Amino acid sequence: MAHAHHVVRIDRLAEIVFDFLAEGANNPSWQWRVLETTRVGGPVREGTTYRQSMRHPLGFKVSTDYVLTAFERPRTLSFQATSGGPLR
């Protein structure tokens, strides 16, 4: 299974940053390949699903839907891809 880890220091409360990252609708503002992300019902929590579309490196649009698999505010946020895309 692939894993990614990256550290960035942001001058904000951890809760504010966590909430921003957890809300998939914000993805296009910080992930340049993401075209659109829509939450599928309910509040943001473990089990929340998102429909997302991205620009594939070859230029076409691809579905990259995902589900939140861990949601422990403000420390742990994990997801698993559920359709298409390079994150399978």
PDB file of N, CA and C in Angstrom:
ATOM      1  N   MET A   1       0.844  -1.174   0.000  1.00  0.00           N
ATOM      2  CA  MET A   1       0.000   0.000   0.000  1.00  0.00           C
ATOM      3  C   MET A   1       0.894   1.243   0.000  1.00  0.00           C
ATOM      4  N   ALA A   2       0.563   2.207  -0.832  1.00  0.00           N
ATOM      5  CA  ALA A   2       1.332   3.437  -0.911  1.00  0.00           C
ATOM      6  C   ALA A   2       0.983   4.370   0.243  1.00  0.00           C
ATOM      7  N   HIS A   3       1.974   5.085   0.716  1.00  0.00           N
ATOM      8  CA  HIS A   3       1.774   6.076   1.775  1.00  0.00           C
ATOM      9  C   HIS A   3       2.484   7.360   1.374  1.00  0.00           C
ATOM     10  N   ALA A   4       1.949   8.470   1.844  1.00  0.00           N
ATOM     11  CA  ALA A   4       2.595   9.752   1.600  1.00  0.00           C
ATOM     12  C   ALA A   4       2.651  10.517   2.913  1.00  0.00           C
ATOM     13  N   HIS A   5       3.709  11.280   3.108  1.00  0.00           N
ATOM     14  CA  HIS A   5       3.863  12.074   4.322  1.00  0.00           C
ATOM     15  C   HIS A   5       4.545  13.378   3.926  1.00  0.00           C
ATOM     16  N   HIS A   6       4.012  14.474   4.415  1.00  0.00           N
ATOM     17  CA  HIS A   6       4.580  15.782   4.105  1.00  0.00           C
ATOM     18  C   HIS A   6       4.302  16.713   5.277  1.00  0.00           C
ATOM     19  N   VAL A   7       5.273  17.535   5.634  1.00  0.00           N
ATOM     20  CA  VAL A   7       5.115  18.463   6.752  1.00  0.00           C
ATOM     21  C   VAL A   7       5.160  19.894   6.224  1.00  0.00           C
ATOM     22  N   VAL A   8       4.154  20.687   6.623  1.00  0.00           N
ATOM     23  CA  VAL A   8       4.108  22.106   6.301  1.00  0.00           C
ATOM     24  C   VAL A   8       3.699  22.833   7.568  1.00  0.00           C
ATOM     25  N   ARG A   9       4.395  23.884   7.923  1.00  0.00           N
ATOM     26  CA  ARG A   9       4.049  24.670   9.109  1.00  0.00           C
ATOM     27  C   ARG A   9       3.140  25.822   8.688  1.00  0.00           C
ATOM     28  N   ILE A  10       1.971  25.908   9.321  1.00  0.00           N
ATOM     29  CA  ILE A  10       0.975  26.926   9.001  1.00  0.00           C
ATOM     30  C   ILE A  10       0.642  27.663  10.281  1.00  0.00           C
ATOM     31  N   ASP A  11       0.649  28.979  10.235  1.00  0.00           N
ATOM     32  CA  ASP A  11       0.417  29.803  11.421  1.00  0.00           C
ATOM     33  C   ASP A  11      -1.083  29.934  11.712  1.00  0.00           C
ATOM     34  N   ARG A  12      -1.711  28.785  12.016  1.00  0.00           N
ATOM     35  CA  ARG A  12      -3.132  28.723  12.359  1.00  0.00           C
ATOM     36  C   ARG A  12      -3.316  27.627  13.401  1.00  0.00           C
ATOM     37  N   LEU A  13      -4.441  27.661  14.099  1.00  0.00           N
ATOM     38  CA  LEU A  13      -4.764  26.591  15.032  1.00  0.00           C
ATOM     39  C   LEU A  13      -4.928  25.277  14.276  1.00  0.00           C
ATOM     40  N   ALA A  14      -4.515  24.186  14.902  1.00  0.00           N
ATOM     41  CA  ALA A  14      -4.609  22.866  14.264  1.00  0.00           C
ATOM     42  C   ALA A  14      -6.042  22.559  13.848  1.00  0.00           C
ATOM     43  N   GLU A  15      -7.026  22.935  14.650  1.00  0.00           N
ATOM     44  CA  GLU A  15      -8.429  22.667  14.337  1.00  0.00           C
ATOM     45  C   GLU A  15      -8.861  23.350  13.043  1.00  0.00           C
ATOM     46  N   ILE A  16      -8.389  24.574  12.831  1.00  0.00           N
ATOM     47  CA  ILE A  16      -8.751  25.323  11.622  1.00  0.00           C
ATOM     48  C   ILE A  16      -8.157  24.661  10.384  1.00  0.00           C
ATOM     49  N   VAL A  17      -6.898  24.267  10.464  1.00  0.00           N
ATOM     50  CA  VAL A  17      -6.239  23.613   9.335  1.00  0.00           C
ATOM     51  C   VAL A  17      -6.878  22.249   9.066  1.00  0.00           C
ATOM     52  N   PHE A  18      -7.127  21.485  10.118  1.00  0.00           N
ATOM     53  CA  PHE A  18      -7.758  20.170   9.977  1.00  0.00           C
ATOM     54  C   PHE A  18      -9.108  20.297   9.278  1.00  0.00           C
ATOM     55  N   ASP A  19      -9.942  21.230   9.748  1.00  0.00           N
ATOM     56  CA  ASP A  19     -11.270  21.413   9.158  1.00  0.00           C
ATOM     57  C   ASP A  19     -11.182  21.788   7.681  1.00  0.00           C
ATOM     58  N   PHE A  20     -10.211  22.616   7.329  1.00  0.00           N
ATOM     59  CA  PHE A  20     -10.023  23.014   5.932  1.00  0.00           C
ATOM     60  C   PHE A  20      -9.654  21.802   5.075  1.00  0.00           C
ATOM     61  N   LEU A  21      -8.717  20.994   5.545  1.00  0.00           N
ATOM     62  CA  LEU A  21      -8.273  19.829   4.785  1.00  0.00           C
ATOM     63  C   LEU A  21      -9.346  18.737   4.721  1.00  0.00           C
ATOM     64  N   ALA A  22     -10.119  18.596   5.797  1.00  0.00           N
ATOM     65  CA  ALA A  22     -11.149  17.556   5.849  1.00  0.00           C
ATOM     66  C   ALA A  22     -12.296  17.844   4.882  1.00  0.00           C
ATOM     67  N   GLU A  23     -12.588  19.114   4.649  1.00  0.00           N
ATOM     68  CA  GLU A  23     -13.685  19.482   3.733  1.00  0.00           C
ATOM     69  C   GLU A  23     -13.181  19.423   2.300  1.00  0.00           C
ATOM     70  N   GLY A  24     -13.555  18.348   1.610  1.00  0.00           N
ATOM     71  CA  GLY A  24     -13.072  18.114   0.254  1.00  0.00           C
ATOM     72  C   GLY A  24     -13.365  19.233  -0.733  1.00  0.00           C
ATOM     73  N   ALA A  25     -14.412  20.016  -0.493  1.00  0.00           N
ATOM     74  CA  ALA A  25     -14.730  21.123  -1.410  1.00  0.00           C
ATOM     75  C   ALA A  25     -13.576  22.121  -1.504  1.00  0.00           C
ATOM     76  N   ASN A  26     -12.661  22.100  -0.535  1.00  0.00           N
ATOM     77  CA  ASN A  26     -11.493  22.984  -0.564  1.00  0.00           C
ATOM     78  C   ASN A  26     -10.353  22.437  -1.419  1.00  0.00           C
ATOM     79  N   ASN A  27     -10.420  21.186  -1.822  1.00  0.00           N
ATOM     80  CA  ASN A  27      -9.312  20.563  -2.552  1.00  0.00           C
ATOM     81  C   ASN A  27      -8.843  21.339  -3.777  1.00  0.00           C
ATOM     82  N   PRO A  28      -9.746  21.882  -4.609  1.00  0.00           N
ATOM     83  CA  PRO A  28      -9.266  22.614  -5.787  1.00  0.00           C
ATOM     84  C   PRO A  28      -8.404  23.837  -5.438  1.00  0.00           C
ATOM     85  N   SER A  29      -8.549  24.384  -4.244  1.00  0.00           N
ATOM     86  CA  SER A  29      -7.773  25.579  -3.892  1.00  0.00           C
ATOM     87  C   SER A  29      -6.332  25.260  -3.496  1.00  0.00           C
ATOM     88  N   TRP A  30      -6.027  23.980  -3.222  1.00  0.00           N
ATOM     89  CA  TRP A  30      -4.648  23.647  -2.848  1.00  0.00           C
ATOM     90  C   TRP A  30      -4.075  22.445  -3.596  1.00  0.00           C
ATOM     91  N   GLN A  31      -4.880  21.809  -4.445  1.00  0.00           N
ATOM     92  CA  GLN A  31      -4.400  20.717  -5.304  1.00  0.00           C
ATOM     93  C   GLN A  31      -4.715  21.093  -6.751  1.00  0.00           C
ATOM     94  N   TRP A  32      -3.715  21.515  -7.481  1.00  0.00           N
ATOM     95  CA  TRP A  32      -3.945  22.118  -8.790  1.00  0.00           C
ATOM     96  C   TRP A  32      -4.579  21.185  -9.802  1.00  0.00           C
ATOM     97  N   ARG A  33      -4.455  19.884  -9.674  1.00  0.00           N
ATOM     98  CA  ARG A  33      -5.081  18.962 -10.631  1.00  0.00           C
ATOM     99  C   ARG A  33      -6.566  18.714 -10.336  1.00  0.00           C
ATOM    100  N   VAL A  34      -7.019  19.030  -9.117  1.00  0.00           N
ATOM    101  CA  VAL A  34      -8.420  18.786  -8.757  1.00  0.00           C
ATOM    102  C   VAL A  34      -9.312  19.828  -9.429  1.00  0.00           C
ATOM    103  N   LEU A  35     -10.324  19.362 -10.149  1.00  0.00           N
ATOM    104  CA  LEU A  35     -11.270  20.249 -10.824  1.00  0.00           C
ATOM    105  C   LEU A  35     -12.466  20.559  -9.935  1.00  0.00           C
ATOM    106  N   GLU A  36     -13.002  19.524  -9.273  1.00  0.00           N
ATOM    107  CA  GLU A  36     -14.198  19.701  -8.451  1.00  0.00           C
ATOM    108  C   GLU A  36     -14.294  18.564  -7.439  1.00  0.00           C
ATOM    109  N   THR A  37     -14.737  18.903  -6.231  1.00  0.00           N
ATOM    110  CA  THR A  37     -14.981  17.897  -5.193  1.00  0.00           C
ATOM    111  C   THR A  37     -16.296  18.235  -4.510  1.00  0.00           C
ATOM    112  N   THR A  38     -17.174  17.228  -4.372  1.00  0.00           N
ATOM    113  CA  THR A  38     -18.489  17.412  -3.765  1.00  0.00           C
ATOM    114  C   THR A  38     -18.703  16.354  -2.685  1.00  0.00           C
ATOM    115  N   ARG A  39     -19.091  16.806  -1.499  1.00  0.00           N
ATOM    116  CA  ARG A  39     -19.404  15.874  -0.414  1.00  0.00           C
ATOM    117  C   ARG A  39     -20.741  15.212  -0.704  1.00  0.00           C
ATOM    118  N   VAL A  40     -20.811  13.899  -0.446  1.00  0.00           N
ATOM    119  CA  VAL A  40     -22.035  13.136  -0.669  1.00  0.00           C
ATOM    120  C   VAL A  40     -22.749  12.989   0.670  1.00  0.00           C
ATOM    121  N   GLY A  41     -23.634  13.947   0.975  1.00  0.00           N
ATOM    122  CA  GLY A  41     -24.479  13.911   2.167  1.00  0.00           C
ATOM    123  C   GLY A  41     -23.771  13.976   3.506  1.00  0.00           C
ATOM    124  N   GLY A  42     -24.494  14.442   4.492  1.00  0.00           N
ATOM    125  CA  GLY A  42     -24.075  14.424   5.888  1.00  0.00           C
ATOM    126  C   GLY A  42     -22.870  15.261   6.248  1.00  0.00           C
ATOM    127  N   PRO A  43     -22.573  15.284   7.555  1.00  0.00           N
ATOM    128  CA  PRO A  43     -21.428  16.060   8.045  1.00  0.00           C
ATOM    129  C   PRO A  43     -20.104  15.354   7.729  1.00  0.00           C
ATOM    130  N   VAL A  44     -19.011  16.103   7.845  1.00  0.00           N
ATOM    131  CA  VAL A  44     -17.684  15.540   7.613  1.00  0.00           C
ATOM    132  C   VAL A  44     -17.292  14.711   8.833  1.00  0.00           C
ATOM    133  N   ARG A  45     -17.018  13.420   8.590  1.00  0.00           N
ATOM    134  CA  ARG A  45     -16.619  12.485   9.657  1.00  0.00           C
ATOM    135  C   ARG A  45     -16.083  11.222   8.987  1.00  0.00           C
ATOM    136  N   GLU A  46     -15.614  10.272   9.773  1.00  0.00           N
ATOM    137  CA  GLU A  46     -15.184   8.995   9.220  1.00  0.00           C
ATOM    138  C   GLU A  46     -16.359   8.373   8.464  1.00  0.00           C
ATOM    139  N   GLY A  47     -16.098   7.914   7.258  1.00  0.00           N
ATOM    140  CA  GLY A  47     -17.145   7.333   6.427  1.00  0.00           C
ATOM    141  C   GLY A  47     -17.742   8.296   5.413  1.00  0.00           C
ATOM    142  N   THR A  48     -17.456   9.590   5.544  1.00  0.00           N
ATOM    143  CA  THR A  48     -17.951  10.567   4.574  1.00  0.00           C
ATOM    144  C   THR A  48     -17.325  10.286   3.213  1.00  0.00           C
ATOM    145  N   THR A  49     -18.144  10.343   2.173  1.00  0.00           N
ATOM    146  CA  THR A  49     -17.640  10.118   0.817  1.00  0.00           C
ATOM    147  C   THR A  49     -17.678  11.415   0.008  1.00  0.00           C
ATOM    148  N   TYR A  50     -16.757  11.502  -0.934  1.00  0.00           N
ATOM    149  CA  TYR A  50     -16.645  12.658  -1.823  1.00  0.00           C
ATOM    150  C   TYR A  50     -16.577  12.182  -3.256  1.00  0.00           C
ATOM    151  N   ARG A  51     -17.253  12.911  -4.144  1.00  0.00           N
ATOM    152  CA  ARG A  51     -17.107  12.719  -5.588  1.00  0.00           C
ATOM    153  C   ARG A  51     -16.131  13.784  -6.048  1.00  0.00           C
ATOM    154  N   GLN A  52     -15.125  13.346  -6.763  1.00  0.00           N
ATOM    155  CA  GLN A  52     -14.074  14.274  -7.168  1.00  0.00           C
ATOM    156  C   GLN A  52     -13.656  13.992  -8.602  1.00  0.00           C
ATOM    157  N   SER A  53     -13.317  15.044  -9.322  1.00  0.00           N
ATOM    158  CA  SER A  53     -12.760  14.891 -10.662  1.00  0.00           C
ATOM    159  C   SER A  53     -11.446  15.653 -10.724  1.00  0.00           C
ATOM    160  N   MET A  54     -10.494  15.059 -11.441  1.00  0.00           N
ATOM    161  CA  MET A  54      -9.154  15.638 -11.566  1.00  0.00           C
ATOM    162  C   MET A  54      -8.719  15.637 -13.019  1.00  0.00           C
ATOM    163  N   ARG A  55      -7.719  16.465 -13.289  1.00  0.00           N
ATOM    164  CA  ARG A  55      -7.043  16.438 -14.576  1.00  0.00           C
ATOM    165  C   ARG A  55      -5.998  15.329 -14.514  1.00  0.00           C
ATOM    166  N   HIS A  56      -6.096  14.362 -15.389  1.00  0.00           N
ATOM    167  CA  HIS A  56      -5.092  13.308 -15.491  1.00  0.00           C
ATOM    168  C   HIS A  56      -3.828  13.939 -16.072  1.00  0.00           C
ATOM    169  N   PRO A  57      -2.640  13.401 -15.739  1.00  0.00           N
ATOM    170  CA  PRO A  57      -1.405  13.953 -16.314  1.00  0.00           C
ATOM    171  C   PRO A  57      -1.399  14.007 -17.841  1.00  0.00           C
ATOM    172  N   LEU A  58      -2.208  13.157 -18.502  1.00  0.00           N
ATOM    173  CA  LEU A  58      -2.284  13.189 -19.962  1.00  0.00           C
ATOM    174  C   LEU A  58      -3.333  14.174 -20.471  1.00  0.00           C
ATOM    175  N   GLY A  59      -3.996  14.900 -19.541  1.00  0.00           N
ATOM    176  CA  GLY A  59      -4.894  15.973 -19.939  1.00  0.00           C
ATOM    177  C   GLY A  59      -6.382  15.698 -19.861  1.00  0.00           C
ATOM    178  N   PHE A  60      -6.799  14.450 -19.765  1.00  0.00           N
ATOM    179  CA  PHE A  60      -8.235  14.187 -19.718  1.00  0.00           C
ATOM    180  C   PHE A  60      -8.743  14.202 -18.279  1.00  0.00           C
ATOM    181  N   LYS A  61     -10.055  14.261 -18.122  1.00  0.00           N
ATOM    182  CA  LYS A  61     -10.715  14.317 -16.819  1.00  0.00           C
ATOM    183  C   LYS A  61     -10.934  12.894 -16.296  1.00  0.00           C
ATOM    184  N   VAL A  62     -10.672  12.673 -15.008  1.00  0.00           N
ATOM    185  CA  VAL A  62     -10.826  11.349 -14.430  1.00  0.00           C
ATOM    186  C   VAL A  62     -11.528  11.455 -13.072  1.00  0.00           C
ATOM    187  N   SER A  63     -12.366  10.475 -12.773  1.00  0.00           N
ATOM    188  CA  SER A  63     -13.049  10.411 -11.484  1.00  0.00           C
ATOM    189  C   SER A  63     -12.064   9.918 -10.427  1.00  0.00           C
ATOM    190  N   THR A  64     -12.006  10.609  -9.289  1.00  0.00           N
ATOM    191  CA  THR A  64     -11.123  10.208  -8.193  1.00  0.00           C
ATOM    192  C   THR A  64     -11.890  10.297  -6.879  1.00  0.00           C
ATOM    193  N   ASP A  65     -13.014   9.601  -6.815  1.00  0.00           N
ATOM    194  CA  ASP A  65     -13.850   9.610  -5.609  1.00  0.00           C
ATOM    195  C   ASP A  65     -13.089   8.983  -4.446  1.00  0.00           C
ATOM    196  N   TYR A  66     -13.453   9.383  -3.222  1.00  0.00           N
ATOM    197  CA  TYR A  66     -12.780   8.835  -2.047  1.00  0.00           C
ATOM    198  C   TYR A  66     -13.685   8.865  -0.826  1.00  0.00           C
ATOM    199  N   VAL A  67     -13.282   8.116   0.204  1.00  0.00           N
ATOM    200  CA  VAL A  67     -14.001   8.044   1.476  1.00  0.00           C
ATOM    201  C   VAL A  67     -13.009   8.331   2.605  1.00  0.00           C
ATOM    202  N   LEU A  68     -13.458   9.072   3.614  1.00  0.00           N
ATOM    203  CA  LEU A  68     -12.610   9.316   4.779  1.00  0.00           C
ATOM    204  C   LEU A  68     -12.588   8.049   5.633  1.00  0.00           C
ATOM    205  N   THR A  69     -11.409   7.527   5.892  1.00  0.00           N
ATOM    206  CA  THR A  69     -11.269   6.278   6.646  1.00  0.00           C
ATOM    207  C   THR A  69     -10.839   6.509   8.089  1.00  0.00           C
ATOM    208  N   ALA A  70     -10.357   7.694   8.396  1.00  0.00           N
ATOM    209  CA  ALA A  70     -10.027   8.066   9.781  1.00  0.00           C
ATOM    210  C   ALA A  70     -10.293   9.562   9.928  1.00  0.00           C
ATOM    211  N   PHE A  71     -10.905   9.936  11.034  1.00  0.00           N
ATOM    212  CA  PHE A  71     -11.255  11.333  11.282  1.00  0.00           C
ATOM    213  C   PHE A  71     -11.182  11.547  12.791  1.00  0.00           C
ATOM    214  N   GLU A  72     -10.009  11.943  13.258  1.00  0.00           N
ATOM    215  CA  GLU A  72      -9.792  12.198  14.683  1.00  0.00           C
ATOM    216  C   GLU A  72      -9.311  13.641  14.816  1.00  0.00           C
ATOM    217  N   ARG A  73     -10.245  14.548  14.894  1.00  0.00           N
ATOM    218  CA  ARG A  73      -9.967  15.980  14.933  1.00  0.00           C
ATOM    219  C   ARG A  73      -9.181  16.334  16.179  1.00  0.00           C
ATOM    220  N   PRO A  74      -8.100  17.087  16.088  1.00  0.00           N
ATOM    221  CA  PRO A  74      -7.493  17.716  14.920  1.00  0.00           C
ATOM    222  C   PRO A  74      -6.210  17.034  14.452  1.00  0.00           C
ATOM    223  N   ARG A  75      -6.031  15.752  14.711  1.00  0.00           N
ATOM    224  CA  ARG A  75      -4.733  15.113  14.455  1.00  0.00           C
ATOM    225  C   ARG A  75      -4.672  14.117  13.306  1.00  0.00           C
ATOM    226  N   THR A  76      -5.702  13.336  13.071  1.00  0.00           N
ATOM    227  CA  THR A  76      -5.609  12.256  12.094  1.00  0.00           C
ATOM    228  C   THR A  76      -6.734  12.360  11.065  1.00  0.00           C
ATOM    229  N   LEU A  77      -6.328  12.373   9.802  1.00  0.00           N
ATOM    230  CA  LEU A  77      -7.268  12.408   8.685  1.00  0.00           C
ATOM    231  C   LEU A  77      -6.714  11.490   7.602  1.00  0.00           C
ATOM    232  N   SER A  78      -7.454  10.443   7.258  1.00  0.00           N
ATOM    233  CA  SER A  78      -7.016   9.497   6.226  1.00  0.00           C
ATOM    234  C   SER A  78      -8.160   9.258   5.259  1.00  0.00           C
ATOM    235  N   PHE A  79      -7.798   8.867   4.040  1.00  0.00           N
ATOM    236  CA  PHE A  79      -8.812   8.578   3.040  1.00  0.00           C
ATOM    237  C   PHE A  79      -8.386   7.382   2.213  1.00  0.00           C
ATOM    238  N   GLN A  80      -9.346   6.822   1.485  1.00  0.00           N
ATOM    239  CA  GLN A  80      -9.086   5.750   0.536  1.00  0.00           C
ATOM    240  C   GLN A  80      -9.825   6.071  -0.746  1.00  0.00           C
ATOM    241  N   ALA A  81      -9.124   5.985  -1.857  1.00  0.00           N
ATOM    242  CA  ALA A  81      -9.745   6.203  -3.167  1.00  0.00           C
ATOM    243  C   ALA A  81     -10.739   5.082  -3.452  1.00  0.00           C
ATOM    244  N   THR A  82     -11.874   5.436  -4.047  1.00  0.00           N
ATOM    245  CA  THR A  82     -12.898   4.442  -4.357  1.00  0.00           C
ATOM    246  C   THR A  82     -13.187   4.347  -5.849  1.00  0.00           C
ATOM    247  N   SER A  83     -12.598   5.239  -6.645  1.00  0.00           N
ATOM    248  CA  SER A  83     -12.803   5.145  -8.093  1.00  0.00           C
ATOM    249  C   SER A  83     -11.629   5.778  -8.826  1.00  0.00           C
ATOM    250  N   GLY A  84     -11.282   5.170  -9.949  1.00  0.00           N
ATOM    251  CA  GLY A  84     -10.324   5.694 -10.906  1.00  0.00           C
ATOM    252  C   GLY A  84      -9.106   6.377 -10.336  1.00  0.00           C
ATOM    253  N   GLY A  85      -8.503   7.177 -11.178  1.00  0.00           N
ATOM    254  CA  GLY A  85      -7.418   8.044 -10.769  1.00  0.00           C
ATOM    255  C   GLY A  85      -6.130   7.352 -10.351  1.00  0.00           C
ATOM    256  N   PRO A  86      -5.104   8.159 -10.160  1.00  0.00           N
ATOM    257  CA  PRO A  86      -3.785   7.627  -9.812  1.00  0.00           C
ATOM    258  C   PRO A  86      -3.677   7.184  -8.346  1.00  0.00           C
ATOM    259  N   LEU A  87      -4.691   7.473  -7.522  1.00  0.00           N
ATOM    260  CA  LEU A  87      -4.618   7.136  -6.089  1.00  0.00           C
ATOM    261  C   LEU A  87      -5.219   5.785  -5.776  1.00  0.00           C
ATOM    262  N   ARG A  88      -5.582   5.023  -6.759  1.00  0.00           N
ATOM    263  CA  ARG A  88      -6.205   3.717  -6.559  1.00  0.00           C
ATOM    264  C   ARG A  88      -5.357   2.926  -5.619  1.00  0.00           C
TER     265      ARG A  88
END
